[in-house]
Amino acid sequence: MHGSNRTPNARGGSPPGLPSRRATSPVMRGCPGDHLLPSVSHRPRSARTAPLWFAVALVGCTTATERAVERELAAIERRLAAPAPSAGPAAEATSDETPENVRFDGTLGPYLAYAFAHSPDVRAAYEAYRAAAEEPKIARRLPEPTLSFAGFVRAVETRVGPQRANLGVAQWFPWPSRLIQAGHAAALRAQAAGRAFEAAALEVARRVTHAYAELWRIDRNIEVETERATLFEGLADAVRIRTQTGRARIADVARIETRVLRARDRIAALEAARRSASAELRRAVGAPVDVELPVVAASPPVGAPAVSDGDLVTDAESHPRIAAMASMSEAERRAAKARRGERFPSFGIGLNWIITGASSMDPPPSDSGKDAVVATGMLRLPLWQRSYGAAERKARALARMYDARRRVLVLDARAQVEAALSRLDDALRRVEFYERTLVRQAEAALGSMRAAYAAEKAALADVLDAEEDLVELRRAAVDARADALRAYADLEALVGHPVPRKDMTP
């Protein structure tokens, strides 16, 4: 894709078959179609070369776009047939895809690699691309030849004999630009389908990363709450010992036990949320039912983009969805030229073989029973000019519609990139502030408060408040890192390629 010679894939590994993006409006070369448009003058050709011209112009050649589409599809098929290099043994699967045959190591990369190879969304977009790639061959197809047979109910007697039957074959040729421009239009629609395939892969990568970040956030919060409950239980045991010597009240024990119950309740709620998050990750990845979806405990790397905001906006303006709109617009312009060709006549050529019997004359002529062969030329007149003009105007209106949609997507892309950068900046600010400042200060404060409480220089309420502050700050730090991971996934999905990152140390 465009910008900085980056690989055209979603983050975490190359999507199998995600092709490199080409220019949105490629130059059509190698076919004579543009020279056959009525608005372009050219020297008349001789009758001797006209049949050859029709054969070359109407039957034959593919466009540069069509050949590019075929190369892209071939590359996709090769990559889909090969194991994803980033998955490795951590995301192995056999054809039956049972839970025993699919394993993930808990990092994000294998989930992405498996999703690119198994997601129904990616597969559907790929098959739509394959279907669209067949359309140019259909659009350039000539009308079927006509074979006719006629038998004389009463033979017509001629000098050479009675004419018994007539066998004929005919072929119609539309105005050359109709088929050629229709082939161009179909190739451009196939190119748009290819860009839609890229967009589907990018969206799958975004959804997988979001689901993974949510699952990681829930698991880390479960750890925080479990540690909190364990600490409160230990504190409750210490306070019970103090109650035996009168240095603490029974109410203090009850207060701590309430905190323990609240922590256990939060753990139960988080475990319920984890079930939902696991289902979302399974859906995004396309993994089999009941397969384990582990998430590593290590903090996922986050950081600011290593490229400028202006470069990101520029890349977003050439996103596959936007490129698809440009291809569709050009396809409709080509379709309008094909419709314009309907205003001009179609040509037909044919041969008729008249089967003749032996002459009844005595003596028979030397050419008795000789069959007659008749060459025919036909012209189909385009009488419904208003209808043909309406079809052409419709195609041009659709081209303008796709142009407008492309401009809307460009404006949306600019705004969405700015919004994603804003979310990322805020999340990174919170990550740094919580992990490097607030959490460390809260840990130091809690340690001091516990020491003071052990020396009977601080109240239990102060210890509980310090513990509560630390837990909330740890949860906020976890949420901030998950938000940063999601915001970066949004940014990469918007610009259409992996974005180099300056990782922030935990």
Protein backbone atom coordinates (compact mmCIF):
# COMPACT_ATOMS: atom_id res chain seq x y z
CA MET A 1 0.00 0.00 0.00
CA HIS A 2 0.99 3.58 -0.26
CA GLY A 3 3.50 5.36 1.87
CA SER A 4 6.97 4.52 3.15
CA ASN A 5 7.22 1.24 1.21
CA ARG A 6 5.21 -0.53 3.87
CA THR A 7 3.89 -4.03 3.56
CA PRO A 8 0.14 -4.06 2.78
CA ASN A 9 -1.08 -6.09 5.68
CA ALA A 10 -2.74 -5.79 9.01
CA ARG A 11 -0.66 -5.63 12.15
CA GLY A 12 0.88 -8.72 13.70
CA GLY A 13 1.78 -10.52 10.47
CA SER A 14 1.14 -10.57 6.77
CA PRO A 15 -2.42 -11.56 5.94
CA PRO A 16 -2.32 -14.54 3.62
CA GLY A 17 -3.05 -13.19 0.18
CA LEU A 18 -3.46 -9.52 0.99
CA PRO A 19 -2.14 -7.99 -2.23
CA SER A 20 -0.21 -4.80 -2.65
CA ARG A 21 -2.41 -1.89 -3.56
CA ARG A 22 -2.09 -0.52 -7.04
CA ALA A 23 -3.05 2.78 -8.52
CA THR A 24 -6.74 3.48 -8.25
CA SER A 25 -7.12 4.44 -11.91
CA PRO A 26 -4.63 2.39 -13.92
CA VAL A 27 -4.02 3.13 -17.56
CA MET A 28 -5.61 0.55 -19.82
CA ARG A 29 -3.07 -0.66 -22.31
CA GLY A 30 -2.83 -3.35 -24.94
CA CYS A 31 -6.40 -3.23 -26.32
CA PRO A 32 -7.83 -1.22 -29.18
CA GLY A 33 -11.05 -0.33 -27.40
CA ASP A 34 -10.47 3.37 -26.91
CA HIS A 35 -9.86 3.83 -30.63
CA LEU A 36 -13.24 2.30 -31.45
CA LEU A 37 -15.33 4.87 -29.62
CA PRO A 38 -17.56 6.86 -31.96
CA SER A 39 -16.27 10.17 -30.62
CA VAL A 40 -12.72 9.37 -31.68
CA SER A 41 -11.96 9.64 -35.37
CA HIS A 42 -9.81 7.07 -37.16
CA ARG A 43 -9.13 6.16 -40.75
CA PRO A 44 -11.54 3.63 -42.28
CA ARG A 45 -10.10 0.20 -42.79
CA SER A 46 -10.34 -1.84 -45.90
CA ALA A 47 -12.90 -4.58 -46.27
CA ARG A 48 -10.10 -7.11 -46.40
CA THR A 49 -8.83 -6.30 -42.87
CA ALA A 50 -12.22 -5.62 -41.27
CA PRO A 51 -12.94 -9.22 -40.17
CA LEU A 52 -9.49 -9.51 -38.60
CA TRP A 53 -10.03 -6.18 -36.83
CA PHE A 54 -13.32 -7.39 -35.39
CA ALA A 55 -11.76 -10.65 -34.22
CA VAL A 56 -8.89 -8.90 -32.44
CA ALA A 57 -10.95 -6.09 -30.99
CA LEU A 58 -13.99 -8.01 -29.80
CA VAL A 59 -12.75 -11.40 -28.71
CA GLY A 60 -9.48 -10.85 -27.44
CA CYS A 61 -7.23 -8.99 -25.34
CA THR A 62 -7.25 -8.47 -21.62
CA THR A 63 -6.62 -5.13 -19.97
CA ALA A 64 -3.73 -4.22 -17.71
CA THR A 65 -6.17 -4.09 -14.79
CA GLU A 66 -7.47 -7.57 -15.56
CA ARG A 67 -3.96 -9.00 -15.71
CA ALA A 68 -3.11 -7.29 -12.42
CA VAL A 69 -6.21 -8.80 -10.82
CA GLU A 70 -5.24 -12.26 -12.04
CA ARG A 71 -1.74 -11.86 -10.58
CA GLU A 72 -3.16 -10.70 -7.26
CA LEU A 73 -5.54 -13.66 -7.06
CA ALA A 74 -2.75 -16.09 -7.89
CA ALA A 75 -0.64 -14.60 -5.09
CA ILE A 76 -3.56 -14.80 -2.67
CA GLU A 77 -4.22 -18.44 -3.49
CA ARG A 78 -0.56 -19.32 -2.97
CA ARG A 79 -0.51 -17.61 0.42
CA LEU A 80 -3.80 -19.13 1.53
CA ALA A 81 -2.49 -22.56 0.61
CA ALA A 82 0.71 -22.04 2.61
CA PRO A 83 0.89 -21.92 6.42
CA ALA A 84 1.02 -18.41 7.80
CA PRO A 85 4.66 -17.67 8.68
CA SER A 86 3.77 -15.67 11.78
CA ALA A 87 1.55 -18.35 13.26
CA GLY A 88 4.06 -21.16 13.65
CA PRO A 89 3.22 -24.07 15.88
CA ALA A 90 1.24 -21.83 18.20
CA ALA A 91 -1.75 -21.73 15.88
CA GLU A 92 -1.70 -25.11 14.20
CA ALA A 93 -4.85 -26.55 12.67
CA THR A 94 -5.79 -29.49 10.52
CA SER A 95 -8.64 -29.65 8.07
CA ASP A 96 -11.15 -30.87 10.67
CA GLU A 97 -10.28 -27.94 12.98
CA THR A 98 -11.18 -29.69 16.22
CA PRO A 99 -10.19 -28.02 19.49
CA GLU A 100 -7.46 -30.62 19.98
CA ASN A 101 -5.81 -29.54 16.72
CA VAL A 102 -5.86 -25.77 17.27
CA ARG A 103 -3.49 -24.20 19.79
CA PHE A 104 -2.62 -20.59 20.56
CA ASP A 105 0.30 -19.41 22.68
CA GLY A 106 -1.51 -16.39 24.11
CA THR A 107 0.20 -13.68 22.06
CA LEU A 108 -1.61 -11.52 19.54
CA GLY A 109 0.31 -12.56 16.41
CA PRO A 110 -0.98 -16.15 16.10
CA TYR A 111 -4.56 -14.96 16.61
CA LEU A 112 -4.17 -12.53 13.72
CA ALA A 113 -2.52 -15.11 11.47
CA TYR A 114 -5.25 -17.66 12.18
CA ALA A 115 -7.97 -15.08 11.56
CA PHE A 116 -6.54 -14.12 8.17
CA ALA A 117 -6.60 -17.77 7.12
CA HIS A 118 -9.91 -18.86 8.70
CA SER A 119 -12.16 -15.85 9.22
CA PRO A 120 -15.44 -16.23 7.30
CA ASP A 121 -15.43 -12.47 6.69
CA VAL A 122 -12.07 -12.63 4.91
CA ARG A 123 -13.13 -15.75 3.02
CA ALA A 124 -16.37 -14.12 1.88
CA ALA A 125 -14.52 -11.06 0.60
CA TYR A 126 -11.97 -13.27 -1.13
CA GLU A 127 -14.65 -15.31 -2.90
CA ALA A 128 -16.39 -12.09 -3.94
CA TYR A 129 -13.07 -10.98 -5.41
CA ARG A 130 -12.71 -14.26 -7.29
CA ALA A 131 -16.24 -13.97 -8.64
CA ALA A 132 -15.67 -10.40 -9.80
CA ALA A 133 -12.42 -11.42 -11.50
CA GLU A 134 -14.41 -13.70 -13.83
CA GLU A 135 -16.71 -10.90 -14.98
CA PRO A 136 -14.39 -9.39 -17.66
CA LYS A 137 -14.39 -12.68 -19.58
CA ILE A 138 -18.18 -12.71 -19.43
CA ALA A 139 -18.51 -9.07 -20.44
CA ARG A 140 -16.31 -9.50 -23.54
CA ARG A 141 -18.21 -12.53 -24.79
CA LEU A 142 -19.59 -12.33 -28.31
CA PRO A 143 -23.23 -13.26 -28.98
CA GLU A 144 -23.74 -16.95 -29.63
CA PRO A 145 -23.55 -17.92 -33.32
CA THR A 146 -26.80 -18.97 -34.92
CA LEU A 147 -27.18 -22.27 -36.76
CA SER A 148 -30.33 -22.65 -38.83
CA PHE A 149 -31.87 -25.35 -40.99
CA ALA A 150 -34.80 -25.02 -43.36
CA GLY A 151 -36.33 -27.78 -45.46
CA PHE A 152 -38.41 -27.04 -48.53
CA VAL A 153 -41.94 -28.46 -48.21
CA ARG A 154 -42.04 -28.45 -51.99
CA ALA A 155 -38.69 -28.57 -53.73
CA VAL A 156 -37.86 -25.66 -55.99
CA GLU A 157 -36.73 -27.00 -59.34
CA THR A 158 -33.70 -25.23 -60.80
CA ARG A 159 -31.48 -25.92 -63.78
CA VAL A 160 -29.01 -27.86 -61.66
CA GLY A 161 -31.66 -29.71 -59.70
CA PRO A 162 -34.32 -29.35 -56.98
CA GLN A 163 -33.40 -27.30 -53.90
CA ARG A 164 -34.25 -29.50 -50.91
CA ALA A 165 -32.89 -27.72 -47.78
CA ASN A 166 -31.06 -24.63 -46.55
CA LEU A 167 -28.36 -24.87 -43.87
CA GLY A 168 -27.09 -21.56 -42.49
CA VAL A 169 -24.72 -20.19 -39.87
CA ALA A 170 -24.48 -16.55 -38.74
CA GLN A 171 -22.49 -14.51 -36.24
CA TRP A 172 -23.37 -11.07 -34.89
CA PHE A 173 -20.76 -8.50 -33.85
CA PRO A 174 -21.85 -5.63 -31.62
CA TRP A 175 -20.32 -2.22 -32.10
CA PRO A 176 -16.71 -2.80 -30.95
CA SER A 177 -16.73 -0.38 -28.01
CA ARG A 178 -19.67 -2.17 -26.39
CA LEU A 179 -17.76 -5.31 -25.50
CA ILE A 180 -14.34 -3.74 -25.05
CA GLN A 181 -15.51 -1.00 -22.71
CA ALA A 182 -17.74 -3.46 -20.87
CA GLY A 183 -14.64 -5.60 -20.30
CA HIS A 184 -12.77 -2.57 -18.98
CA ALA A 185 -15.65 -1.79 -16.62
CA ALA A 186 -15.80 -5.37 -15.33
CA ALA A 187 -12.03 -5.41 -14.72
CA LEU A 188 -12.28 -2.20 -12.71
CA ARG A 189 -15.15 -3.64 -10.66
CA ALA A 190 -12.95 -6.66 -9.97
CA GLN A 191 -10.21 -4.29 -8.85
CA ALA A 192 -12.71 -2.65 -6.49
CA ALA A 193 -13.58 -6.10 -5.12
CA GLY A 194 -9.88 -6.64 -4.46
CA ARG A 195 -9.74 -3.44 -2.46
CA ALA A 196 -12.84 -4.59 -0.56
CA PHE A 197 -10.97 -7.80 0.26
CA GLU A 198 -8.08 -5.76 1.67
CA ALA A 199 -10.51 -3.68 3.71
CA ALA A 200 -12.11 -6.85 5.09
CA ALA A 201 -8.71 -8.17 6.22
CA LEU A 202 -7.93 -4.84 7.90
CA GLU A 203 -11.27 -4.84 9.69
CA VAL A 204 -10.73 -8.41 10.90
CA ALA A 205 -7.32 -7.40 12.28
CA ARG A 206 -8.92 -4.48 14.10
CA ARG A 207 -11.66 -6.65 15.62
CA VAL A 208 -9.21 -9.35 16.70
CA THR A 209 -6.97 -6.77 18.38
CA HIS A 210 -9.92 -5.14 20.14
CA ALA A 211 -11.18 -8.48 21.42
CA TYR A 212 -7.68 -9.52 22.50
CA ALA A 213 -7.15 -6.22 24.34
CA GLU A 214 -10.46 -6.62 26.17
CA LEU A 215 -9.62 -10.18 27.20
CA TRP A 216 -6.18 -9.09 28.41
CA ARG A 217 -7.76 -6.22 30.38
CA ILE A 218 -10.24 -8.54 32.07
CA ASP A 219 -7.57 -11.10 32.98
CA ARG A 220 -5.32 -8.45 34.48
CA ASN A 221 -8.19 -6.97 36.48
CA ILE A 222 -9.04 -10.42 37.78
CA GLU A 223 -5.43 -10.69 38.97
CA VAL A 224 -5.66 -7.29 40.66
CA GLU A 225 -8.91 -8.16 42.42
CA THR A 226 -7.62 -11.59 43.44
CA GLU A 227 -4.51 -10.01 44.95
CA ARG A 228 -6.73 -7.46 46.66
CA ALA A 229 -8.95 -10.16 48.20
CA THR A 230 -5.89 -12.10 49.37
CA LEU A 231 -4.37 -9.02 51.01
CA PHE A 232 -7.63 -8.16 52.76
CA GLU A 233 -7.97 -11.71 54.04
CA GLY A 234 -4.45 -11.53 55.49
CA LEU A 235 -5.25 -8.16 57.03
CA ALA A 236 -8.44 -9.59 58.53
CA ASP A 237 -6.43 -12.36 60.21
CA ALA A 238 -4.03 -9.79 61.67
CA VAL A 239 -6.89 -7.65 62.99
CA ARG A 240 -8.56 -10.68 64.60
CA ILE A 241 -5.37 -11.28 66.57
CA ARG A 242 -5.46 -7.66 67.70
CA THR A 243 -9.05 -7.99 68.86
CA GLN A 244 -7.92 -10.67 71.32
CA THR A 245 -5.69 -8.13 73.05
CA GLY A 246 -8.15 -5.27 72.76
CA ARG A 247 -6.11 -3.32 70.25
CA ALA A 248 -8.80 -3.64 67.54
CA ARG A 249 -12.56 -3.87 67.37
CA ILE A 250 -14.78 -6.59 65.97
CA ALA A 251 -16.26 -3.92 63.70
CA ASP A 252 -12.85 -3.55 62.07
CA VAL A 253 -12.87 -7.24 61.16
CA ALA A 254 -16.38 -6.93 59.72
CA ARG A 255 -15.30 -3.91 57.70
CA ILE A 256 -12.36 -5.80 56.20
CA GLU A 257 -14.51 -8.85 55.46
CA THR A 258 -16.91 -6.58 53.59
CA ARG A 259 -14.01 -5.46 51.41
CA VAL A 260 -13.14 -9.11 50.78
CA LEU A 261 -16.69 -9.90 49.70
CA ARG A 262 -16.75 -6.88 47.40
CA ALA A 263 -13.50 -8.05 45.79
CA ARG A 264 -14.93 -11.56 45.32
CA ASP A 265 -18.04 -10.07 43.75
CA ARG A 266 -15.94 -8.07 41.29
CA ILE A 267 -13.99 -11.20 40.41
CA ALA A 268 -17.23 -13.05 39.66
CA ALA A 269 -18.43 -10.17 37.47
CA LEU A 270 -15.11 -10.09 35.63
CA GLU A 271 -15.21 -13.84 35.03
CA ALA A 272 -18.68 -13.45 33.51
CA ALA A 273 -17.36 -10.64 31.33
CA ARG A 274 -14.45 -12.85 30.31
CA ARG A 275 -16.85 -15.41 28.89
CA SER A 276 -18.39 -12.75 26.68
CA ALA A 277 -14.97 -11.39 25.66
CA SER A 278 -13.75 -14.90 24.80
CA ALA A 279 -16.78 -15.41 22.59
CA GLU A 280 -16.03 -12.14 20.80
CA LEU A 281 -12.40 -13.14 20.25
CA ARG A 282 -13.49 -16.56 19.00
CA ARG A 283 -15.89 -14.87 16.57
CA ALA A 284 -13.24 -12.46 15.31
CA VAL A 285 -10.61 -15.17 14.89
CA GLY A 286 -12.95 -17.81 13.47
CA ALA A 287 -11.65 -20.39 15.95
CA PRO A 288 -13.50 -23.65 16.63
CA VAL A 289 -15.91 -23.91 19.53
CA ASP A 290 -14.37 -24.89 22.89
CA VAL A 291 -10.80 -24.15 21.78
CA GLU A 292 -8.78 -22.48 24.51
CA LEU A 293 -8.06 -18.79 24.01
CA PRO A 294 -5.18 -17.94 26.35
CA VAL A 295 -3.81 -14.44 26.80
CA VAL A 296 -0.28 -13.83 28.08
CA ALA A 297 0.05 -11.90 31.31
CA ALA A 298 2.84 -9.69 29.98
CA SER A 299 1.81 -6.17 29.11
CA PRO A 300 1.33 -5.74 25.35
CA PRO A 301 3.74 -3.22 23.85
CA VAL A 302 2.29 0.21 23.20
CA GLY A 303 3.77 3.45 21.98
CA ALA A 304 3.42 6.44 19.71
CA PRO A 305 3.65 6.15 15.90
CA ALA A 306 7.13 6.53 14.48
CA VAL A 307 5.78 8.47 11.48
CA SER A 308 4.30 11.94 11.27
CA ASP A 309 0.60 12.65 11.59
CA GLY A 310 0.61 14.11 8.09
CA ASP A 311 1.93 10.87 6.60
CA LEU A 312 -0.75 8.91 8.44
CA VAL A 313 -3.50 11.16 7.07
CA THR A 314 -2.06 10.86 3.56
CA ASP A 315 -2.02 7.08 3.79
CA ALA A 316 -5.57 7.04 5.14
CA GLU A 317 -6.70 8.98 2.07
CA SER A 318 -5.62 6.02 -0.08
CA HIS A 319 -7.32 3.39 2.09
CA PRO A 320 -8.63 0.33 0.19
CA ARG A 321 -12.23 1.47 0.72
CA ILE A 322 -11.40 4.82 -0.89
CA ALA A 323 -9.47 3.13 -3.70
CA ALA A 324 -12.49 0.89 -4.30
CA MET A 325 -14.72 3.94 -4.78
CA ALA A 326 -12.26 5.37 -7.31
CA SER A 327 -12.22 2.07 -9.22
CA MET A 328 -16.02 1.88 -9.20
CA SER A 329 -16.25 5.45 -10.50
CA GLU A 330 -13.92 4.68 -13.39
CA ALA A 331 -15.81 1.43 -14.02
CA GLU A 332 -19.07 3.36 -14.46
CA ARG A 333 -17.39 5.77 -16.85
CA ARG A 334 -16.27 2.80 -18.90
CA ALA A 335 -19.78 1.38 -18.67
CA ALA A 336 -21.13 4.68 -20.02
CA LYS A 337 -18.85 4.32 -23.03
CA ALA A 338 -20.13 0.78 -23.52
CA ARG A 339 -23.70 2.08 -23.37
CA ARG A 340 -22.83 4.74 -25.92
CA GLY A 341 -21.88 1.92 -28.28
CA GLU A 342 -25.49 0.73 -28.17
CA ARG A 343 -26.40 3.80 -30.24
CA PHE A 344 -24.50 2.33 -33.20
CA PRO A 345 -25.43 -0.67 -35.33
CA SER A 346 -24.42 -4.28 -34.84
CA PHE A 347 -23.07 -6.24 -37.77
CA GLY A 348 -23.70 -9.81 -38.79
CA ILE A 349 -22.13 -12.15 -41.31
CA GLY A 350 -23.34 -15.55 -42.37
CA LEU A 351 -23.16 -18.42 -44.82
CA ASN A 352 -26.08 -20.35 -46.27
CA TRP A 353 -25.61 -23.75 -47.88
CA ILE A 354 -28.47 -24.68 -50.19
CA ILE A 355 -28.62 -28.45 -50.58
CA THR A 356 -29.57 -29.31 -54.14
CA GLY A 357 -30.63 -32.68 -55.59
CA ALA A 358 -29.75 -34.17 -58.96
CA SER A 359 -31.30 -32.53 -62.00
CA SER A 360 -34.15 -34.34 -63.76
CA MET A 361 -33.12 -32.97 -67.15
CA ASP A 362 -31.98 -35.41 -69.82
CA PRO A 363 -29.16 -35.14 -70.43
CA PRO A 364 -28.35 -33.55 -67.05
CA PRO A 365 -26.18 -30.44 -66.99
CA SER A 366 -22.55 -30.75 -66.04
CA ASP A 367 -23.17 -29.06 -62.68
CA SER A 368 -26.19 -31.19 -61.82
CA GLY A 369 -26.79 -31.41 -58.05
CA LYS A 370 -24.29 -28.69 -57.28
CA ASP A 371 -25.06 -27.04 -53.93
CA ALA A 372 -25.25 -23.28 -53.74
CA VAL A 373 -23.35 -21.29 -51.09
CA VAL A 374 -24.56 -17.79 -50.25
CA ALA A 375 -22.64 -15.24 -48.14
CA THR A 376 -24.83 -12.82 -46.21
CA GLY A 377 -24.25 -9.53 -44.47
CA MET A 378 -26.65 -8.18 -41.86
CA LEU A 379 -27.13 -4.91 -40.03
CA ARG A 380 -29.10 -4.50 -36.80
CA LEU A 381 -30.48 -0.97 -36.54
CA PRO A 382 -30.47 0.78 -33.12
CA LEU A 383 -33.86 2.45 -33.18
CA TRP A 384 -34.46 3.10 -29.47
CA GLN A 385 -32.02 5.97 -29.08
CA ARG A 386 -33.78 7.54 -26.09
CA SER A 387 -33.46 4.32 -24.13
CA TYR A 388 -29.78 3.97 -25.03
CA GLY A 389 -29.15 7.55 -23.98
CA ALA A 390 -30.89 6.93 -20.65
CA ALA A 391 -28.61 3.95 -19.96
CA GLU A 392 -25.54 6.06 -20.72
CA ARG A 393 -26.72 8.90 -18.48
CA LYS A 394 -27.44 6.43 -15.69
CA ALA A 395 -23.88 5.09 -15.83
CA ARG A 396 -22.42 8.60 -15.74
CA ALA A 397 -24.62 9.49 -12.77
CA LEU A 398 -23.38 6.39 -10.95
CA ALA A 399 -19.80 7.47 -11.68
CA ARG A 400 -20.49 10.85 -10.09
CA MET A 401 -22.12 9.09 -7.13
CA TYR A 402 -19.00 6.99 -6.51
CA ASP A 403 -16.85 10.11 -6.83
CA ALA A 404 -18.96 11.79 -4.15
CA ARG A 405 -18.76 8.73 -1.91
CA ARG A 406 -15.00 8.69 -2.33
CA ARG A 407 -14.80 12.32 -1.22
CA VAL A 408 -17.00 11.52 1.79
CA LEU A 409 -14.69 8.65 2.73
CA VAL A 410 -11.65 10.91 2.38
CA LEU A 411 -13.19 13.46 4.74
CA ASP A 412 -14.19 10.69 7.15
CA ALA A 413 -10.68 9.22 7.01
CA ARG A 414 -9.08 12.53 7.93
CA ALA A 415 -11.41 13.02 10.88
CA GLN A 416 -11.13 9.40 12.04
CA VAL A 417 -7.32 9.45 11.95
CA GLU A 418 -7.30 12.59 14.07
CA ALA A 419 -9.75 10.98 16.50
CA ALA A 420 -7.68 7.79 16.70
CA LEU A 421 -4.51 9.79 17.31
CA SER A 422 -6.29 11.74 20.02
CA ARG A 423 -7.44 8.55 21.74
CA LEU A 424 -3.97 7.08 21.41
CA ASP A 425 -2.28 10.18 22.85
CA ASP A 426 -4.65 10.20 25.80
CA ALA A 427 -4.20 6.48 26.45
CA LEU A 428 -0.40 6.75 26.27
CA ARG A 429 -0.47 9.73 28.61
CA ARG A 430 -2.50 7.72 31.11
CA VAL A 431 -0.24 4.68 30.74
CA GLU A 432 2.84 6.73 31.55
CA PHE A 433 1.15 8.71 34.32
CA TYR A 434 -0.36 5.71 36.09
CA GLU A 435 2.42 3.14 35.63
CA ARG A 436 5.40 5.42 36.23
CA THR A 437 3.98 7.84 38.77
CA LEU A 438 0.67 7.17 40.50
CA VAL A 439 0.94 3.39 40.97
CA ARG A 440 4.47 3.68 42.37
CA GLN A 441 3.45 6.46 44.72
CA ALA A 442 0.39 4.49 45.86
CA GLU A 443 2.55 1.41 46.51
CA ALA A 444 4.94 3.48 48.60
CA ALA A 445 2.05 5.09 50.48
CA LEU A 446 0.47 1.73 51.22
CA GLY A 447 3.77 0.33 52.50
CA SER A 448 4.21 3.31 54.80
CA MET A 449 0.63 3.06 56.02
CA ARG A 450 0.97 -0.64 56.81
CA ALA A 451 4.15 0.01 58.76
CA ALA A 452 2.44 2.81 60.64
CA TYR A 453 -0.56 0.59 61.40
CA ALA A 454 1.72 -2.19 62.65
CA ALA A 455 3.32 0.38 64.98
CA GLU A 456 -0.17 1.52 66.01
CA LYS A 457 0.51 4.97 64.56
CA ALA A 458 -2.20 4.82 61.87
CA ALA A 459 -5.85 3.87 61.85
CA LEU A 460 -7.26 0.88 60.00
CA ALA A 461 -9.35 3.19 57.83
CA ASP A 462 -6.15 4.80 56.52
CA VAL A 463 -4.76 1.39 55.52
CA LEU A 464 -8.01 0.45 53.79
CA ASP A 465 -8.15 3.74 51.91
CA ALA A 466 -4.53 3.36 50.78
CA GLU A 467 -5.25 -0.19 49.63
CA GLU A 468 -8.35 0.98 47.75
CA ASP A 469 -6.40 3.76 46.05
CA LEU A 470 -3.70 1.35 44.88
CA VAL A 471 -6.20 -1.13 43.46
CA GLU A 472 -8.09 1.57 41.57
CA LEU A 473 -4.86 2.96 40.14
CA ARG A 474 -3.71 -0.49 39.03
CA ARG A 475 -7.03 -1.06 37.32
CA ALA A 476 -6.79 2.34 35.66
CA ALA A 477 -3.28 1.53 34.42
CA VAL A 478 -4.49 -1.75 32.93
CA ASP A 479 -7.42 -0.01 31.25
CA ALA A 480 -5.13 2.67 29.84
CA ARG A 481 -2.80 0.10 28.26
CA ALA A 482 -5.75 -1.79 26.76
CA ASP A 483 -7.14 1.49 25.41
CA ALA A 484 -3.77 2.28 23.83
CA LEU A 485 -3.66 -1.12 22.15
CA ARG A 486 -7.18 -0.64 20.77
CA ALA A 487 -6.47 2.91 19.60
CA TYR A 488 -3.36 1.76 17.75
CA ALA A 489 -5.36 -1.01 16.07
CA ASP A 490 -7.92 1.58 14.99
CA LEU A 491 -5.15 3.75 13.58
CA GLU A 492 -3.62 0.92 11.56
CA ALA A 493 -7.02 -0.09 10.22
CA LEU A 494 -7.63 3.51 9.13
CA VAL A 495 -4.31 4.00 7.33
CA GLY A 496 -4.44 0.53 5.80
CA HIS A 497 -1.06 -0.87 6.86
CA PRO A 498 1.09 -1.54 9.95
CA VAL A 499 2.43 1.64 11.50
CA PRO A 500 5.99 1.63 12.90
CA ARG A 501 5.86 2.25 16.64
CA LYS A 502 8.14 3.73 19.26
CA ASP A 503 7.48 1.25 22.04
CA MET A 504 6.98 2.55 25.54
CA THR A 505 8.78 0.56 28.20
CA PRO A 506 6.40 -0.77 30.90
